[in-house]
Amino acid sequence: MSEPVPGDRLAIRSHKGVYEVLFDPRGIEALAALTAANAPPNIHVLIDERVAALHAPRLKNVLALPS
């Protein structure tokens, strides 16, 4: 399998339905820009614990999101 290209979308089918993953070319800068006010209502962000710890100041808004 090839590596995802920034901007690619990946559809994942789970027992709860299909959801989409977006590989944003802006990477961590896109995450840092997320806030409760501008995040899509159905967003679910997964961030590795070490990445979150290393970048906590930059990611404080996204780390404060409910999910």
PDB file of N, CA and C in Angstrom:
ATOM      1  N   MET A   1       0.849  -1.169   0.000  1.00  0.00           N
ATOM      2  CA  MET A   1       0.000   0.000   0.000  1.00  0.00           C
ATOM      3  C   MET A   1       0.899   1.237   0.000  1.00  0.00           C
ATOM      4  N   SER A   2       0.512   2.235  -0.750  1.00  0.00           N
ATOM      5  CA  SER A   2       1.315   3.454  -0.821  1.00  0.00           C
ATOM      6  C   SER A   2       0.965   4.407   0.316  1.00  0.00           C
ATOM      7  N   GLU A   3       1.868   5.334   0.560  1.00  0.00           N
ATOM      8  CA  GLU A   3       1.660   6.340   1.602  1.00  0.00           C
ATOM      9  C   GLU A   3       0.567   7.317   1.166  1.00  0.00           C
ATOM     10  N   PRO A   4      -0.237   7.840   2.103  1.00  0.00           N
ATOM     11  CA  PRO A   4      -1.241   8.837   1.734  1.00  0.00           C
ATOM     12  C   PRO A   4      -0.568  10.127   1.265  1.00  0.00           C
ATOM     13  N   VAL A   5      -1.158  10.728   0.296  1.00  0.00           N
ATOM     14  CA  VAL A   5      -0.676  12.001  -0.241  1.00  0.00           C
ATOM     15  C   VAL A   5      -1.447  13.114   0.449  1.00  0.00           C
ATOM     16  N   PRO A   6      -0.770  14.188   0.895  1.00  0.00           N
ATOM     17  CA  PRO A   6      -1.503  15.287   1.530  1.00  0.00           C
ATOM     18  C   PRO A   6      -2.666  15.748   0.658  1.00  0.00           C
ATOM     19  N   GLY A   7      -3.801  15.914   1.280  1.00  0.00           N
ATOM     20  CA  GLY A   7      -5.008  16.304   0.568  1.00  0.00           C
ATOM     21  C   GLY A   7      -5.860  15.108   0.173  1.00  0.00           C
ATOM     22  N   ASP A   8      -5.298  13.886   0.298  1.00  0.00           N
ATOM     23  CA  ASP A   8      -6.061  12.675   0.003  1.00  0.00           C
ATOM     24  C   ASP A   8      -7.162  12.489   1.029  1.00  0.00           C
ATOM     25  N   ARG A   9      -8.193  11.807   0.596  1.00  0.00           N
ATOM     26  CA  ARG A   9      -9.287  11.424   1.487  1.00  0.00           C
ATOM     27  C   ARG A   9      -9.346   9.909   1.518  1.00  0.00           C
ATOM     28  N   LEU A  10      -9.618   9.376   2.677  1.00  0.00           N
ATOM     29  CA  LEU A  10      -9.690   7.941   2.859  1.00  0.00           C
ATOM     30  C   LEU A  10     -11.023   7.618   3.510  1.00  0.00           C
ATOM     31  N   ALA A  11     -11.809   6.759   2.872  1.00  0.00           N
ATOM     32  CA  ALA A  11     -13.079   6.325   3.453  1.00  0.00           C
ATOM     33  C   ALA A  11     -12.834   5.057   4.247  1.00  0.00           C
ATOM     34  N   ILE A  12     -13.284   5.054   5.485  1.00  0.00           N
ATOM     35  CA  ILE A  12     -13.117   3.902   6.367  1.00  0.00           C
ATOM     36  C   ILE A  12     -14.498   3.389   6.734  1.00  0.00           C
ATOM     37  N   ARG A  13     -14.699   2.097   6.553  1.00  0.00           N
ATOM     38  CA  ARG A  13     -15.987   1.489   6.873  1.00  0.00           C
ATOM     39  C   ARG A  13     -15.847   0.755   8.196  1.00  0.00           C
ATOM     40  N   SER A  14     -16.675   1.123   9.155  1.00  0.00           N
ATOM     41  CA  SER A  14     -16.663   0.457  10.456  1.00  0.00           C
ATOM     42  C   SER A  14     -18.057  -0.096  10.742  1.00  0.00           C
ATOM     43  N   HIS A  15     -18.204  -0.741  11.876  1.00  0.00           N
ATOM     44  CA  HIS A  15     -19.515  -1.279  12.250  1.00  0.00           C
ATOM     45  C   HIS A  15     -20.548  -0.171  12.483  1.00  0.00           C
ATOM     46  N   LYS A  16     -20.090   1.053  12.677  1.00  0.00           N
ATOM     47  CA  LYS A  16     -21.008   2.180  12.882  1.00  0.00           C
ATOM     48  C   LYS A  16     -21.275   2.957  11.597  1.00  0.00           C
ATOM     49  N   GLY A  17     -20.650   2.549  10.517  1.00  0.00           N
ATOM     50  CA  GLY A  17     -20.871   3.211   9.242  1.00  0.00           C
ATOM     51  C   GLY A  17     -19.559   3.640   8.609  1.00  0.00           C
ATOM     52  N   VAL A  18     -19.680   4.441   7.567  1.00  0.00           N
ATOM     53  CA  VAL A  18     -18.513   4.910   6.838  1.00  0.00           C
ATOM     54  C   VAL A  18     -18.143   6.302   7.330  1.00  0.00           C
ATOM     55  N   TYR A  19     -16.857   6.524   7.551  1.00  0.00           N
ATOM     56  CA  TYR A  19     -16.402   7.861   7.892  1.00  0.00           C
ATOM     57  C   TYR A  19     -15.183   8.183   7.053  1.00  0.00           C
ATOM     58  N   GLU A  20     -14.884   9.451   6.955  1.00  0.00           N
ATOM     59  CA  GLU A  20     -13.830   9.906   6.067  1.00  0.00           C
ATOM     60  C   GLU A  20     -12.665  10.494   6.847  1.00  0.00           C
ATOM     61  N   VAL A  21     -11.462  10.194   6.384  1.00  0.00           N
ATOM     62  CA  VAL A  21     -10.245  10.752   6.953  1.00  0.00           C
ATOM     63  C   VAL A  21      -9.627  11.647   5.893  1.00  0.00           C
ATOM     64  N   LEU A  22      -9.224  12.834   6.299  1.00  0.00           N
ATOM     65  CA  LEU A  22      -8.587  13.774   5.386  1.00  0.00           C
ATOM     66  C   LEU A  22      -7.147  13.976   5.819  1.00  0.00           C
ATOM     67  N   PHE A  23      -6.226  13.801   4.884  1.00  0.00           N
ATOM     68  CA  PHE A  23      -4.811  14.066   5.135  1.00  0.00           C
ATOM     69  C   PHE A  23      -4.560  15.499   4.698  1.00  0.00           C
ATOM     70  N   ASP A  24      -4.526  16.399   5.654  1.00  0.00           N
ATOM     71  CA  ASP A  24      -4.404  17.833   5.354  1.00  0.00           C
ATOM     72  C   ASP A  24      -2.949  18.188   5.084  1.00  0.00           C
ATOM     73  N   PRO A  25      -2.671  18.830   3.946  1.00  0.00           N
ATOM     74  CA  PRO A  25      -1.287  19.177   3.620  1.00  0.00           C
ATOM     75  C   PRO A  25      -0.671  20.182   4.595  1.00  0.00           C
ATOM     76  N   ARG A  26      -1.508  20.868   5.370  1.00  0.00           N
ATOM     77  CA  ARG A  26      -0.984  21.828   6.342  1.00  0.00           C
ATOM     78  C   ARG A  26      -0.574  21.156   7.646  1.00  0.00           C
ATOM     79  N   GLY A  27      -0.874  19.875   7.798  1.00  0.00           N
ATOM     80  CA  GLY A  27      -0.447  19.106   8.964  1.00  0.00           C
ATOM     81  C   GLY A  27      -0.814  19.732  10.292  1.00  0.00           C
ATOM     82  N   ILE A  28       0.180  19.864  11.149  1.00  0.00           N
ATOM     83  CA  ILE A  28      -0.048  20.347  12.515  1.00  0.00           C
ATOM     84  C   ILE A  28      -0.593  21.775  12.533  1.00  0.00           C
ATOM     85  N   GLU A  29      -0.288  22.565  11.527  1.00  0.00           N
ATOM     86  CA  GLU A  29      -0.817  23.930  11.480  1.00  0.00           C
ATOM     87  C   GLU A  29      -2.337  23.911  11.341  1.00  0.00           C
ATOM     88  N   ALA A  30      -2.860  22.950  10.580  1.00  0.00           N
ATOM     89  CA  ALA A  30      -4.317  22.818  10.450  1.00  0.00           C
ATOM     90  C   ALA A  30      -4.942  22.438  11.789  1.00  0.00           C
ATOM     91  N   LEU A  31      -4.294  21.532  12.500  1.00  0.00           N
ATOM     92  CA  LEU A  31      -4.796  21.151  13.822  1.00  0.00           C
ATOM     93  C   LEU A  31      -4.756  22.318  14.789  1.00  0.00           C
ATOM     94  N   ALA A  32      -3.668  23.057  14.761  1.00  0.00           N
ATOM     95  CA  ALA A  32      -3.511  24.184  15.684  1.00  0.00           C
ATOM     96  C   ALA A  32      -4.570  25.248  15.460  1.00  0.00           C
ATOM     97  N   ALA A  33      -5.104  25.323  14.246  1.00  0.00           N
ATOM     98  CA  ALA A  33      -6.110  26.342  13.926  1.00  0.00           C
ATOM     99  C   ALA A  33      -7.521  25.946  14.376  1.00  0.00           C
ATOM    100  N   LEU A  34      -7.722  24.688  14.753  1.00  0.00           N
ATOM    101  CA  LEU A  34      -9.048  24.248  15.179  1.00  0.00           C
ATOM    102  C   LEU A  34      -9.397  24.800  16.554  1.00  0.00           C
ATOM    103  N   THR A  35     -10.616  25.273  16.675  1.00  0.00           N
ATOM    104  CA  THR A  35     -11.153  25.726  17.963  1.00  0.00           C
ATOM    105  C   THR A  35     -12.567  25.189  18.096  1.00  0.00           C
ATOM    106  N   ALA A  36     -13.139  25.295  19.254  1.00  0.00           N
ATOM    107  CA  ALA A  36     -14.527  24.868  19.450  1.00  0.00           C
ATOM    108  C   ALA A  36     -15.465  25.654  18.538  1.00  0.00           C
ATOM    109  N   ALA A  37     -15.113  26.887  18.221  1.00  0.00           N
ATOM    110  CA  ALA A  37     -15.973  27.730  17.386  1.00  0.00           C
ATOM    111  C   ALA A  37     -15.911  27.360  15.911  1.00  0.00           C
ATOM    112  N   ASN A  38     -14.773  26.844  15.418  1.00  0.00           N
ATOM    113  CA  ASN A  38     -14.678  26.590  13.981  1.00  0.00           C
ATOM    114  C   ASN A  38     -14.557  25.119  13.602  1.00  0.00           C
ATOM    115  N   ALA A  39     -14.500  24.235  14.569  1.00  0.00           N
ATOM    116  CA  ALA A  39     -14.386  22.807  14.265  1.00  0.00           C
ATOM    117  C   ALA A  39     -15.728  22.274  13.772  1.00  0.00           C
ATOM    118  N   PRO A  40     -15.702  21.387  12.772  1.00  0.00           N
ATOM    119  CA  PRO A  40     -16.950  20.771  12.325  1.00  0.00           C
ATOM    120  C   PRO A  40     -17.612  20.037  13.485  1.00  0.00           C
ATOM    121  N   PRO A  41     -18.936  20.007  13.529  1.00  0.00           N
ATOM    122  CA  PRO A  41     -19.630  19.405  14.677  1.00  0.00           C
ATOM    123  C   PRO A  41     -19.368  17.915  14.844  1.00  0.00           C
ATOM    124  N   ASN A  42     -19.009  17.213  13.783  1.00  0.00           N
ATOM    125  CA  ASN A  42     -18.804  15.768  13.885  1.00  0.00           C
ATOM    126  C   ASN A  42     -17.326  15.379  13.901  1.00  0.00           C
ATOM    127  N   ILE A  43     -16.448  16.329  14.176  1.00  0.00           N
ATOM    128  CA  ILE A  43     -15.002  16.043  14.124  1.00  0.00           C
ATOM    129  C   ILE A  43     -14.574  15.178  15.306  1.00  0.00           C
ATOM    130  N   HIS A  44     -13.660  14.274  15.009  1.00  0.00           N
ATOM    131  CA  HIS A  44     -13.045  13.440  16.038  1.00  0.00           C
ATOM    132  C   HIS A  44     -11.556  13.433  15.737  1.00  0.00           C
ATOM    133  N   VAL A  45     -10.754  13.982  16.608  1.00  0.00           N
ATOM    134  CA  VAL A  45      -9.320  14.130  16.369  1.00  0.00           C
ATOM    135  C   VAL A  45      -8.554  13.126  17.217  1.00  0.00           C
ATOM    136  N   LEU A  46      -7.675  12.377  16.567  1.00  0.00           N
ATOM    137  CA  LEU A  46      -6.811  11.430  17.266  1.00  0.00           C
ATOM    138  C   LEU A  46      -5.388  11.962  17.209  1.00  0.00           C
ATOM    139  N   ILE A  47      -4.790  12.172  18.365  1.00  0.00           N
ATOM    140  CA  ILE A  47      -3.419  12.676  18.430  1.00  0.00           C
ATOM    141  C   ILE A  47      -2.632  11.778  19.370  1.00  0.00           C
ATOM    142  N   ASP A  48      -1.505  11.297  18.889  1.00  0.00           N
ATOM    143  CA  ASP A  48      -0.626  10.471  19.699  1.00  0.00           C
ATOM    144  C   ASP A  48      -0.255  11.219  20.982  1.00  0.00           C
ATOM    145  N   GLU A  49      -0.163  10.501  22.094  1.00  0.00           N
ATOM    146  CA  GLU A  49       0.132  11.111  23.388  1.00  0.00           C
ATOM    147  C   GLU A  49       1.458  11.881  23.380  1.00  0.00           C
ATOM    148  N   ARG A  50       2.467  11.323  22.750  1.00  0.00           N
ATOM    149  CA  ARG A  50       3.767  12.020  22.702  1.00  0.00           C
ATOM    150  C   ARG A  50       3.709  13.266  21.833  1.00  0.00           C
ATOM    151  N   VAL A  51       2.996  13.190  20.723  1.00  0.00           N
ATOM    152  CA  VAL A  51       2.835  14.369  19.864  1.00  0.00           C
ATOM    153  C   VAL A  51       2.080  15.447  20.630  1.00  0.00           C
ATOM    154  N   ALA A  52       1.038  15.059  21.337  1.00  0.00           N
ATOM    155  CA  ALA A  52       0.266  16.020  22.129  1.00  0.00           C
ATOM    156  C   ALA A  52       1.136  16.673  23.197  1.00  0.00           C
ATOM    157  N   ALA A  53       1.969  15.885  23.848  1.00  0.00           N
ATOM    158  CA  ALA A  53       2.840  16.443  24.887  1.00  0.00           C
ATOM    159  C   ALA A  53       3.889  17.380  24.292  1.00  0.00           C
ATOM    160  N   LEU A  54       4.485  16.973  23.179  1.00  0.00           N
ATOM    161  CA  LEU A  54       5.518  17.790  22.545  1.00  0.00           C
ATOM    162  C   LEU A  54       4.982  19.114  21.997  1.00  0.00           C
ATOM    163  N   HIS A  55       3.751  19.091  21.525  1.00  0.00           N
ATOM    164  CA  HIS A  55       3.178  20.263  20.869  1.00  0.00           C
ATOM    165  C   HIS A  55       2.008  20.862  21.651  1.00  0.00           C
ATOM    166  N   ALA A  56       1.932  20.578  22.942  1.00  0.00           N
ATOM    167  CA  ALA A  56       0.806  21.035  23.760  1.00  0.00           C
ATOM    168  C   ALA A  56       0.522  22.532  23.639  1.00  0.00           C
ATOM    169  N   PRO A  57       1.526  23.400  23.687  1.00  0.00           N
ATOM    170  CA  PRO A  57       1.216  24.830  23.561  1.00  0.00           C
ATOM    171  C   PRO A  57       0.553  25.182  22.224  1.00  0.00           C
ATOM    172  N   ARG A  58       1.035  24.591  21.144  1.00  0.00           N
ATOM    173  CA  ARG A  58       0.467  24.876  19.826  1.00  0.00           C
ATOM    174  C   ARG A  58      -0.899  24.224  19.641  1.00  0.00           C
ATOM    175  N   LEU A  59      -1.120  23.105  20.295  1.00  0.00           N
ATOM    176  CA  LEU A  59      -2.361  22.353  20.095  1.00  0.00           C
ATOM    177  C   LEU A  59      -3.371  22.535  21.212  1.00  0.00           C
ATOM    178  N   LYS A  60      -3.177  23.538  22.055  1.00  0.00           N
ATOM    179  CA  LYS A  60      -4.052  23.676  23.229  1.00  0.00           C
ATOM    180  C   LYS A  60      -5.537  23.754  22.856  1.00  0.00           C
ATOM    181  N   ASN A  61      -5.877  24.429  21.757  1.00  0.00           N
ATOM    182  CA  ASN A  61      -7.287  24.543  21.367  1.00  0.00           C
ATOM    183  C   ASN A  61      -7.865  23.205  20.928  1.00  0.00           C
ATOM    184  N   VAL A  62      -7.121  22.477  20.103  1.00  0.00           N
ATOM    185  CA  VAL A  62      -7.635  21.187  19.630  1.00  0.00           C
ATOM    186  C   VAL A  62      -7.643  20.166  20.759  1.00  0.00           C
ATOM    187  N   LEU A  63      -6.691  20.225  21.671  1.00  0.00           N
ATOM    188  CA  LEU A  63      -6.691  19.313  22.810  1.00  0.00           C
ATOM    189  C   LEU A  63      -7.839  19.593  23.769  1.00  0.00           C
ATOM    190  N   ALA A  64      -8.409  20.771  23.701  1.00  0.00           N
ATOM    191  CA  ALA A  64      -9.540  21.133  24.555  1.00  0.00           C
ATOM    192  C   ALA A  64     -10.880  20.751  23.940  1.00  0.00           C
ATOM    193  N   LEU A  65     -10.884  20.272  22.678  1.00  0.00           N
ATOM    194  CA  LEU A  65     -12.138  19.859  22.050  1.00  0.00           C
ATOM    195  C   LEU A  65     -12.712  18.665  22.798  1.00  0.00           C
ATOM    196  N   PRO A  66     -14.034  18.488  22.750  1.00  0.00           N
ATOM    197  CA  PRO A  66     -14.654  17.412  23.529  1.00  0.00           C
ATOM    198  C   PRO A  66     -14.225  16.009  23.117  1.00  0.00           C
ATOM    199  N   SER A  67     -13.779  15.832  21.911  1.00  0.00           N
ATOM    200  CA  SER A  67     -13.397  14.482  21.462  1.00  0.00           C
ATOM    201  C   SER A  67     -12.035  14.506  20.804  1.00  0.00           C
TER     202      SER A  67
END
